Protein backbone atom coordinates (compact mmCIF):
# COMPACT_ATOMS: atom_id res chain seq x y z
CA UNK A 1 -24.55 -17.17 20.04
CA UNK A 2 -22.95 -16.44 23.73
CA UNK A 3 -21.20 -19.52 22.94
CA UNK A 4 -19.61 -18.97 19.96
CA UNK A 5 -18.76 -15.06 21.43
CA UNK A 6 -17.08 -16.69 24.06
CA UNK A 7 -15.45 -18.37 22.22
CA UNK A 8 -14.67 -15.77 19.63
CA UNK A 9 -13.29 -13.55 22.66
CA UNK A 10 -11.24 -15.85 24.16
CA UNK A 11 -8.87 -16.34 21.75
CA UNK A 12 -8.98 -12.84 20.78
CA UNK A 13 -5.37 -11.42 21.36
CA UNK A 14 -3.69 -8.18 23.92
CA UNK A 15 -1.44 -7.13 21.44
CA UNK A 16 0.17 -4.52 23.68
CA UNK A 17 2.63 -1.64 21.52
CA UNK A 18 5.61 0.03 23.06
CA UNK A 19 5.05 3.58 23.50
CA UNK A 20 8.42 4.40 21.39
CA UNK A 21 5.59 3.24 18.72
CA UNK A 22 2.90 5.20 19.28
CA UNK A 23 4.53 8.35 19.81
CA UNK A 24 6.61 7.49 15.96
CA UNK A 25 3.39 6.02 14.28
CA UNK A 26 1.88 9.82 15.87
CA UNK A 27 4.37 11.85 14.30
CA UNK A 28 3.99 10.13 10.78
CA UNK A 29 0.59 11.04 11.36
CA UNK A 30 1.58 14.16 11.76
CA UNK A 31 3.78 14.81 9.25
CA UNK A 32 0.66 12.87 6.61
CA UNK A 33 3.02 9.89 5.87
CA UNK A 34 0.34 7.46 6.81
CA UNK A 35 -3.66 7.94 7.49
CA UNK A 36 -5.27 7.36 10.56
CA UNK A 37 -7.20 4.93 8.45
CA UNK A 38 -4.24 3.14 7.17
CA UNK A 39 -2.29 2.64 11.02
CA UNK A 40 -6.00 1.25 11.48
CA UNK A 41 -5.35 -1.06 8.76
CA UNK A 42 -2.21 -1.79 8.58
CA UNK A 43 -2.05 -3.12 12.25
CA UNK A 44 -5.04 -4.44 13.26
CA UNK A 45 -6.33 -1.37 15.84
CA UNK A 46 -9.60 -0.29 16.08
CA UNK A 47 -9.16 4.26 14.90
CA UNK A 48 -10.57 4.87 18.62
CA UNK A 49 -7.54 3.06 19.60
CA UNK A 50 -5.31 6.03 17.40
CA UNK A 51 -7.27 8.66 18.24
CA UNK A 52 -6.21 7.79 21.87
CA UNK A 53 -2.61 7.46 21.14
CA UNK A 54 -2.44 10.90 18.81
CA UNK A 55 -4.90 12.99 21.29
CA UNK A 56 -2.42 11.17 24.31
CA UNK A 57 1.20 11.95 22.16
CA UNK A 58 0.48 14.48 19.75
CA UNK A 59 2.12 18.22 19.59
CA UNK A 60 -0.70 19.45 17.47
CA UNK A 61 -3.72 17.72 17.36
CA UNK A 62 -5.58 17.25 20.36
CA UNK A 63 -9.40 16.63 21.75
CA UNK A 64 -11.49 19.80 20.97
CA UNK A 65 -9.29 21.33 18.20
CA UNK A 66 -10.60 22.03 15.08
CA UNK A 67 -7.55 21.85 11.83
CA UNK A 68 -7.62 21.83 8.20
CA UNK A 69 -6.02 19.27 7.17
CA UNK A 70 -4.79 18.74 3.39
CA UNK A 71 -5.85 15.76 1.66
CA UNK A 72 -2.44 14.87 0.78
CA UNK A 73 1.18 16.03 1.98
CA UNK A 74 3.51 18.18 -0.04
CA UNK A 75 5.71 15.87 0.25
CA UNK A 76 3.92 13.42 -1.00
CA UNK A 77 2.48 16.36 -3.95
CA UNK A 78 6.70 16.98 -4.84
CA UNK A 79 7.47 12.89 -4.60
CA UNK A 80 4.28 12.41 -7.16
CA UNK A 81 5.26 15.10 -8.98
CA UNK A 82 8.95 13.93 -9.68
CA UNK A 83 8.21 10.63 -9.67
CA UNK A 84 6.00 12.02 -13.02
CA UNK A 85 8.18 14.18 -14.38
CA UNK A 86 10.75 10.69 -14.49
CA UNK A 87 8.26 9.18 -15.75
CA UNK A 88 7.53 11.71 -18.88
CA UNK A 89 11.54 12.18 -18.64
CA UNK A 90 11.94 7.98 -20.26
CA UNK A 91 9.19 8.19 -22.65
CA UNK A 92 10.70 11.35 -24.06
CA UNK A 93 14.12 9.66 -23.80
CA UNK A 94 12.64 6.35 -26.19
CA UNK A 95 10.38 8.31 -29.02
CA UNK A 96 14.17 10.37 -29.32
CA UNK A 97 16.16 6.59 -29.77
CA UNK A 98 12.61 5.75 -32.05
CA UNK A 99 13.73 8.99 -34.58
CA UNK A 100 17.35 8.98 -34.37
CA UNK A 101 17.28 5.23 -35.28
CA UNK A 102 13.80 6.34 -38.03
CA UNK A 103 16.74 8.80 -39.35
CA UNK A 104 19.34 5.47 -39.86
CA UNK A 105 17.47 4.13 -41.73
CA UNK A 106 16.28 6.91 -44.30
CA UNK A 107 20.06 7.91 -44.02
CA UNK A 108 20.92 4.43 -44.34
CA UNK A 109 18.34 3.37 -47.38
CA UNK A 110 19.42 6.53 -49.28
CA UNK A 111 22.45 5.82 -49.82
CA UNK A 112 22.08 1.99 -50.82
CA UNK A 113 19.34 3.20 -53.32
CA UNK A 114 21.47 6.63 -54.38
CA UNK A 115 18.63 8.77 -54.27
CA UNK A 116 17.25 11.72 -51.06
CA UNK A 117 14.56 10.31 -49.59
CA UNK A 118 14.54 12.47 -47.15
CA UNK A 119 15.02 14.93 -49.23
CA UNK A 120 12.59 13.81 -51.81
CA UNK A 121 9.93 12.99 -49.32
CA UNK A 122 10.53 15.92 -46.55
CA UNK A 123 7.15 18.65 -47.09
CA UNK A 124 7.15 22.07 -45.91
CA UNK A 125 6.00 24.04 -42.97
CA UNK A 126 3.04 25.36 -43.79
CA UNK A 127 2.65 28.91 -42.71
CA UNK A 128 -1.09 28.47 -42.60
CA UNK A 129 -2.12 29.38 -46.30
CA UNK A 130 -3.11 26.68 -48.98
CA UNK A 131 -2.01 27.13 -52.25
CA UNK A 132 -4.03 25.53 -55.18
CA UNK A 133 -1.43 25.79 -58.54
CA UNK A 134 -0.01 28.51 -58.02
CA UNK A 135 -3.06 30.15 -56.63
CA UNK A 136 -3.58 31.41 -52.78
CA UNK A 137 -6.78 30.49 -51.77
C-alpha cells in the first residue's frame, strides 16, 4: 500500500494559479456567479484551497465574519424568470397559430359546404344557470 501512495503522489501534478485568476474567481464567488463547490469541481481544486483564496482576496468575506448568503442571487432569479417568460410567450404564440389555423379551416370548410359551421356549432357562454326546456333550475 505504501508504494501505491508514493506512486500516486509522484504522479500528482502541481499546478499554480495566478493571483489574477484567484482574484477573478473570488469576485465571481462574491457576485454569486459560481459557488465554492462548483469552482472546486470545475478546476479540480480542494475546497480548502478555494476558501484560502476567498479569505485572502475577498473584500467582504473574511475569516470569523458571519455572512448570510442567499441561495440564488437576484440576477440569477431574474435571468431564470426571463427564460421562463420567453418559454411561455413561445407557447402562447404556438397556441395562437394553432387557433388561427383552425379558424381558417372552419372558414374554408364553411365556404365549401355552403353552411356557416362556426355559427352552427358555436356555443353560448353560460351565465351559471342551467335551463331545461325553457325553465330555470
